[in-house]
Amino acid sequence: MSHDPRLILLDPRDNVLVARVRLKAGETIETGSGPAALDRDIALAHKIARRAIAAGEKILKYGAPIGVATEAIAPAAHVHVHNMRSDYTPTYHLEDERKAGASA
């Protein structure tokens, strides 16, 4: 991958990059699958697709799945709640499950 100093690849298995700086719509970035223009502003620390990601495909960050794409995502597209569903389970849900198990 050509190194774009504005982006971080946390793990070679990842299909997303992390913005090290705020990026503006129209800027060209190097995703690893070629240069691509951003279609929207990207906030600091937000995810950008490293390559095309199919609907239903796992989003990988730190080499681990963090969610699933809810629609097809183009290279250099912003990856966030509008096009992915998180695999995160809030701890209050886990606590509710523990309490329910204790009373059963």
N, C-alpha and C. Protein backbone atom coordinates (compact mmCIF):
# COMPACT_ATOMS: atom_id res chain seq x y z
N MET A 1 0.84 -1.18 0.00
CA MET A 1 0.00 0.00 0.00
C MET A 1 0.88 1.24 0.00
N SER A 2 0.60 2.17 -0.89
CA SER A 2 1.27 3.46 -0.82
C SER A 2 0.84 4.11 0.48
N HIS A 3 1.78 4.65 1.19
CA HIS A 3 1.46 5.23 2.49
C HIS A 3 0.91 6.64 2.33
N ASP A 4 -0.29 6.86 2.86
CA ASP A 4 -0.88 8.19 2.93
C ASP A 4 -0.73 8.62 4.38
N PRO A 5 0.12 9.60 4.67
CA PRO A 5 0.40 9.96 6.06
C PRO A 5 -0.81 10.48 6.83
N ARG A 6 -1.90 10.77 6.15
CA ARG A 6 -3.11 11.25 6.83
C ARG A 6 -3.98 10.10 7.34
N LEU A 7 -3.59 8.87 6.99
CA LEU A 7 -4.39 7.69 7.32
C LEU A 7 -3.57 6.67 8.09
N ILE A 8 -4.25 5.89 8.92
CA ILE A 8 -3.59 4.83 9.69
C ILE A 8 -4.23 3.50 9.30
N LEU A 9 -3.39 2.52 8.97
CA LEU A 9 -3.83 1.14 8.82
C LEU A 9 -3.42 0.43 10.10
N LEU A 10 -4.38 0.09 10.93
CA LEU A 10 -4.09 -0.49 12.24
C LEU A 10 -3.62 -1.93 12.16
N ASP A 11 -4.11 -2.68 11.17
CA ASP A 11 -3.75 -4.09 11.00
C ASP A 11 -3.87 -4.42 9.52
N PRO A 12 -2.96 -5.19 8.95
CA PRO A 12 -3.02 -5.48 7.52
C PRO A 12 -4.30 -6.20 7.08
N ARG A 13 -5.01 -6.83 8.01
CA ARG A 13 -6.27 -7.51 7.67
C ARG A 13 -7.45 -6.54 7.58
N ASP A 14 -7.28 -5.32 8.06
CA ASP A 14 -8.38 -4.35 8.11
C ASP A 14 -8.87 -3.96 6.71
N ASN A 15 -10.18 -3.73 6.61
CA ASN A 15 -10.74 -3.20 5.37
C ASN A 15 -11.14 -1.73 5.54
N VAL A 16 -10.72 -1.13 6.66
CA VAL A 16 -10.90 0.30 6.88
C VAL A 16 -9.58 0.93 7.30
N LEU A 17 -9.47 2.22 7.01
CA LEU A 17 -8.36 3.05 7.45
C LEU A 17 -8.92 4.05 8.44
N VAL A 18 -8.08 4.63 9.27
CA VAL A 18 -8.52 5.61 10.26
C VAL A 18 -7.89 6.96 9.91
N ALA A 19 -8.71 8.00 9.90
CA ALA A 19 -8.23 9.35 9.58
C ALA A 19 -7.42 9.91 10.75
N ARG A 20 -6.18 10.32 10.48
CA ARG A 20 -5.31 10.94 11.49
C ARG A 20 -5.57 12.44 11.61
N VAL A 21 -6.26 12.98 10.61
CA VAL A 21 -6.57 14.41 10.55
C VAL A 21 -7.98 14.55 9.98
N ARG A 22 -8.55 15.74 10.09
CA ARG A 22 -9.81 16.01 9.41
C ARG A 22 -9.54 16.09 7.91
N LEU A 23 -10.40 15.47 7.14
CA LEU A 23 -10.25 15.46 5.69
C LEU A 23 -11.48 16.11 5.06
N LYS A 24 -11.29 16.79 3.96
CA LYS A 24 -12.37 17.53 3.29
C LYS A 24 -12.88 16.76 2.07
N ALA A 25 -14.16 16.89 1.81
CA ALA A 25 -14.76 16.33 0.60
C ALA A 25 -13.98 16.81 -0.61
N GLY A 26 -13.74 15.90 -1.55
CA GLY A 26 -13.00 16.24 -2.76
C GLY A 26 -11.52 15.96 -2.68
N GLU A 27 -10.97 15.85 -1.46
CA GLU A 27 -9.54 15.51 -1.32
C GLU A 27 -9.31 14.10 -1.85
N THR A 28 -8.15 13.89 -2.46
CA THR A 28 -7.78 12.56 -2.93
C THR A 28 -6.92 11.89 -1.87
N ILE A 29 -7.27 10.64 -1.57
CA ILE A 29 -6.49 9.85 -0.62
C ILE A 29 -6.02 8.58 -1.31
N GLU A 30 -4.99 7.96 -0.76
CA GLU A 30 -4.51 6.67 -1.25
C GLU A 30 -5.05 5.60 -0.30
N THR A 31 -5.93 4.74 -0.83
CA THR A 31 -6.58 3.73 0.00
C THR A 31 -5.83 2.40 0.04
N GLY A 32 -4.90 2.21 -0.87
CA GLY A 32 -4.23 0.92 -0.99
C GLY A 32 -4.75 0.17 -2.21
N SER A 33 -5.95 0.53 -2.66
CA SER A 33 -6.48 -0.04 -3.89
C SER A 33 -6.49 1.03 -4.98
N GLY A 34 -5.73 2.10 -4.74
CA GLY A 34 -5.62 3.19 -5.70
C GLY A 34 -6.12 4.49 -5.11
N PRO A 35 -5.82 5.60 -5.79
CA PRO A 35 -6.28 6.90 -5.30
C PRO A 35 -7.79 7.03 -5.48
N ALA A 36 -8.41 7.74 -4.55
CA ALA A 36 -9.86 7.97 -4.62
C ALA A 36 -10.18 9.29 -3.96
N ALA A 37 -11.21 9.96 -4.48
CA ALA A 37 -11.64 11.25 -3.92
C ALA A 37 -12.71 11.01 -2.85
N LEU A 38 -12.62 11.76 -1.78
CA LEU A 38 -13.61 11.68 -0.70
C LEU A 38 -14.90 12.35 -1.14
N ASP A 39 -16.03 11.71 -0.84
CA ASP A 39 -17.32 12.29 -1.23
C ASP A 39 -17.93 13.15 -0.13
N ARG A 40 -17.30 13.17 1.04
CA ARG A 40 -17.79 13.98 2.16
C ARG A 40 -16.62 14.29 3.09
N ASP A 41 -16.82 15.23 3.98
CA ASP A 41 -15.81 15.52 5.01
C ASP A 41 -15.70 14.31 5.94
N ILE A 42 -14.49 14.04 6.40
CA ILE A 42 -14.23 12.93 7.32
C ILE A 42 -13.63 13.52 8.59
N ALA A 43 -14.23 13.21 9.72
CA ALA A 43 -13.75 13.71 11.01
C ALA A 43 -12.52 12.93 11.47
N LEU A 44 -11.75 13.56 12.31
CA LEU A 44 -10.59 12.93 12.94
C LEU A 44 -11.01 11.62 13.57
N ALA A 45 -10.23 10.57 13.34
CA ALA A 45 -10.41 9.23 13.92
C ALA A 45 -11.58 8.45 13.33
N HIS A 46 -12.22 8.96 12.28
CA HIS A 46 -13.31 8.20 11.65
C HIS A 46 -12.74 7.22 10.63
N LYS A 47 -13.53 6.22 10.30
CA LYS A 47 -13.12 5.14 9.41
C LYS A 47 -13.43 5.47 7.95
N ILE A 48 -12.55 5.00 7.07
CA ILE A 48 -12.68 5.15 5.63
C ILE A 48 -12.46 3.78 5.02
N ALA A 49 -13.29 3.41 4.05
CA ALA A 49 -13.14 2.11 3.39
C ALA A 49 -11.81 2.04 2.65
N ARG A 50 -11.06 1.00 2.92
CA ARG A 50 -9.77 0.77 2.28
C ARG A 50 -9.96 0.21 0.86
N ARG A 51 -11.06 -0.49 0.67
CA ARG A 51 -11.41 -1.11 -0.60
C ARG A 51 -12.93 -1.21 -0.65
N ALA A 52 -13.48 -1.72 -1.73
CA ALA A 52 -14.93 -1.93 -1.79
C ALA A 52 -15.32 -2.97 -0.74
N ILE A 53 -16.40 -2.69 -0.03
CA ILE A 53 -16.92 -3.60 1.00
C ILE A 53 -18.36 -3.93 0.62
N ALA A 54 -18.66 -5.21 0.50
CA ALA A 54 -20.00 -5.64 0.09
C ALA A 54 -20.99 -5.54 1.25
N ALA A 55 -22.25 -5.33 0.92
CA ALA A 55 -23.31 -5.37 1.94
C ALA A 55 -23.26 -6.74 2.62
N GLY A 56 -23.32 -6.75 3.94
CA GLY A 56 -23.26 -8.00 4.70
C GLY A 56 -21.86 -8.42 5.09
N GLU A 57 -20.83 -7.78 4.52
CA GLU A 57 -19.44 -8.12 4.84
C GLU A 57 -19.05 -7.52 6.18
N LYS A 58 -18.21 -8.23 6.92
CA LYS A 58 -17.72 -7.74 8.20
C LYS A 58 -16.80 -6.54 7.99
N ILE A 59 -16.91 -5.57 8.88
CA ILE A 59 -15.98 -4.44 8.92
C ILE A 59 -14.87 -4.85 9.88
N LEU A 60 -13.62 -4.79 9.41
CA LEU A 60 -12.47 -5.21 10.22
C LEU A 60 -11.63 -4.01 10.62
N LYS A 61 -11.40 -3.89 11.91
CA LYS A 61 -10.54 -2.85 12.48
C LYS A 61 -9.73 -3.51 13.58
N TYR A 62 -8.46 -3.22 13.68
CA TYR A 62 -7.55 -3.91 14.60
C TYR A 62 -7.48 -5.40 14.26
N GLY A 63 -7.80 -5.77 13.02
CA GLY A 63 -7.79 -7.17 12.61
C GLY A 63 -8.97 -7.97 13.12
N ALA A 64 -9.94 -7.31 13.71
CA ALA A 64 -11.10 -7.99 14.30
C ALA A 64 -12.39 -7.38 13.76
N PRO A 65 -13.45 -8.19 13.66
CA PRO A 65 -14.73 -7.65 13.20
C PRO A 65 -15.33 -6.71 14.24
N ILE A 66 -15.75 -5.53 13.78
CA ILE A 66 -16.39 -4.56 14.68
C ILE A 66 -17.83 -4.29 14.28
N GLY A 67 -18.25 -4.83 13.15
CA GLY A 67 -19.60 -4.61 12.66
C GLY A 67 -19.76 -5.22 11.29
N VAL A 68 -20.90 -4.93 10.67
CA VAL A 68 -21.20 -5.45 9.35
C VAL A 68 -21.73 -4.31 8.47
N ALA A 69 -21.35 -4.34 7.20
CA ALA A 69 -21.82 -3.32 6.25
C ALA A 69 -23.31 -3.54 5.98
N THR A 70 -24.10 -2.49 6.10
CA THR A 70 -25.54 -2.58 5.84
C THR A 70 -25.87 -2.26 4.38
N GLU A 71 -24.86 -1.82 3.64
CA GLU A 71 -25.00 -1.53 2.21
C GLU A 71 -23.61 -1.63 1.59
N ALA A 72 -23.54 -1.67 0.27
CA ALA A 72 -22.24 -1.67 -0.40
C ALA A 72 -21.52 -0.36 -0.09
N ILE A 73 -20.22 -0.46 0.18
CA ILE A 73 -19.41 0.70 0.54
C ILE A 73 -18.26 0.80 -0.45
N ALA A 74 -18.13 1.94 -1.10
CA ALA A 74 -17.09 2.16 -2.10
C ALA A 74 -15.75 2.48 -1.44
N PRO A 75 -14.64 2.22 -2.14
CA PRO A 75 -13.34 2.63 -1.60
C PRO A 75 -13.35 4.13 -1.30
N ALA A 76 -12.76 4.52 -0.20
CA ALA A 76 -12.64 5.91 0.27
C ALA A 76 -13.93 6.46 0.86
N ALA A 77 -14.97 5.64 0.96
CA ALA A 77 -16.22 6.12 1.56
C ALA A 77 -16.11 6.12 3.08
N HIS A 78 -16.81 7.04 3.70
CA HIS A 78 -16.90 7.13 5.16
C HIS A 78 -17.64 5.88 5.65
N VAL A 79 -17.08 5.20 6.65
CA VAL A 79 -17.71 4.02 7.24
C VAL A 79 -18.15 4.41 8.64
N HIS A 80 -19.46 4.45 8.84
CA HIS A 80 -20.00 4.91 10.12
C HIS A 80 -21.41 4.34 10.28
N VAL A 81 -22.19 4.88 11.19
CA VAL A 81 -23.51 4.32 11.51
C VAL A 81 -24.49 4.35 10.34
N HIS A 82 -24.25 5.17 9.33
CA HIS A 82 -25.16 5.24 8.19
C HIS A 82 -24.99 4.06 7.23
N ASN A 83 -23.87 3.33 7.31
CA ASN A 83 -23.66 2.21 6.39
C ASN A 83 -23.08 0.97 7.06
N MET A 84 -23.08 0.94 8.39
CA MET A 84 -22.65 -0.26 9.10
C MET A 84 -23.47 -0.43 10.37
N ARG A 85 -23.58 -1.68 10.81
CA ARG A 85 -24.22 -2.00 12.08
C ARG A 85 -23.12 -2.53 12.99
N SER A 86 -23.03 -1.99 14.18
CA SER A 86 -21.98 -2.35 15.12
C SER A 86 -22.22 -3.73 15.72
N ASP A 87 -21.14 -4.44 16.02
CA ASP A 87 -21.21 -5.70 16.76
C ASP A 87 -21.10 -5.45 18.26
N TYR A 88 -20.98 -4.20 18.65
CA TYR A 88 -20.80 -3.83 20.05
C TYR A 88 -22.07 -4.15 20.85
N THR A 89 -21.90 -4.80 21.98
CA THR A 89 -23.01 -5.04 22.91
C THR A 89 -22.77 -4.18 24.13
N PRO A 90 -23.63 -3.19 24.37
CA PRO A 90 -23.43 -2.34 25.54
C PRO A 90 -23.38 -3.17 26.83
N THR A 91 -22.55 -2.74 27.75
CA THR A 91 -22.37 -3.51 28.99
C THR A 91 -23.65 -3.58 29.80
N TYR A 92 -24.54 -2.60 29.69
CA TYR A 92 -25.78 -2.69 30.47
C TYR A 92 -26.63 -3.86 29.99
N HIS A 93 -26.54 -4.24 28.70
CA HIS A 93 -27.25 -5.42 28.23
C HIS A 93 -26.65 -6.68 28.83
N LEU A 94 -25.35 -6.73 28.93
CA LEU A 94 -24.70 -7.89 29.53
C LEU A 94 -25.08 -8.02 30.99
N GLU A 95 -25.14 -6.90 31.70
CA GLU A 95 -25.54 -6.91 33.11
C GLU A 95 -26.97 -7.40 33.26
N ASP A 96 -27.87 -6.96 32.37
CA ASP A 96 -29.26 -7.43 32.40
C ASP A 96 -29.33 -8.94 32.20
N GLU A 97 -28.50 -9.47 31.27
CA GLU A 97 -28.47 -10.91 31.03
C GLU A 97 -27.96 -11.66 32.25
N ARG A 98 -26.94 -11.12 32.92
CA ARG A 98 -26.41 -11.77 34.13
C ARG A 98 -27.47 -11.81 35.22
N LYS A 99 -28.18 -10.70 35.40
CA LYS A 99 -29.23 -10.64 36.42
C LYS A 99 -30.35 -11.62 36.10
N ALA A 100 -30.74 -11.69 34.82
CA ALA A 100 -31.81 -12.61 34.41
C ALA A 100 -31.39 -14.06 34.65
N GLY A 101 -30.13 -14.38 34.37
CA GLY A 101 -29.62 -15.73 34.59
C GLY A 101 -29.56 -16.09 36.06
N ALA A 102 -29.27 -15.12 36.92
CA ALA A 102 -29.17 -15.37 38.36
C ALA A 102 -30.54 -15.64 38.97
N SER A 103 -31.59 -15.06 38.39
CA SER A 103 -32.93 -15.24 38.95
C SER A 103 -33.62 -16.47 38.39
N ALA A 104 -33.05 -17.10 37.38
CA ALA A 104 -33.69 -18.27 36.75
C ALA A 104 -33.47 -19.53 37.55
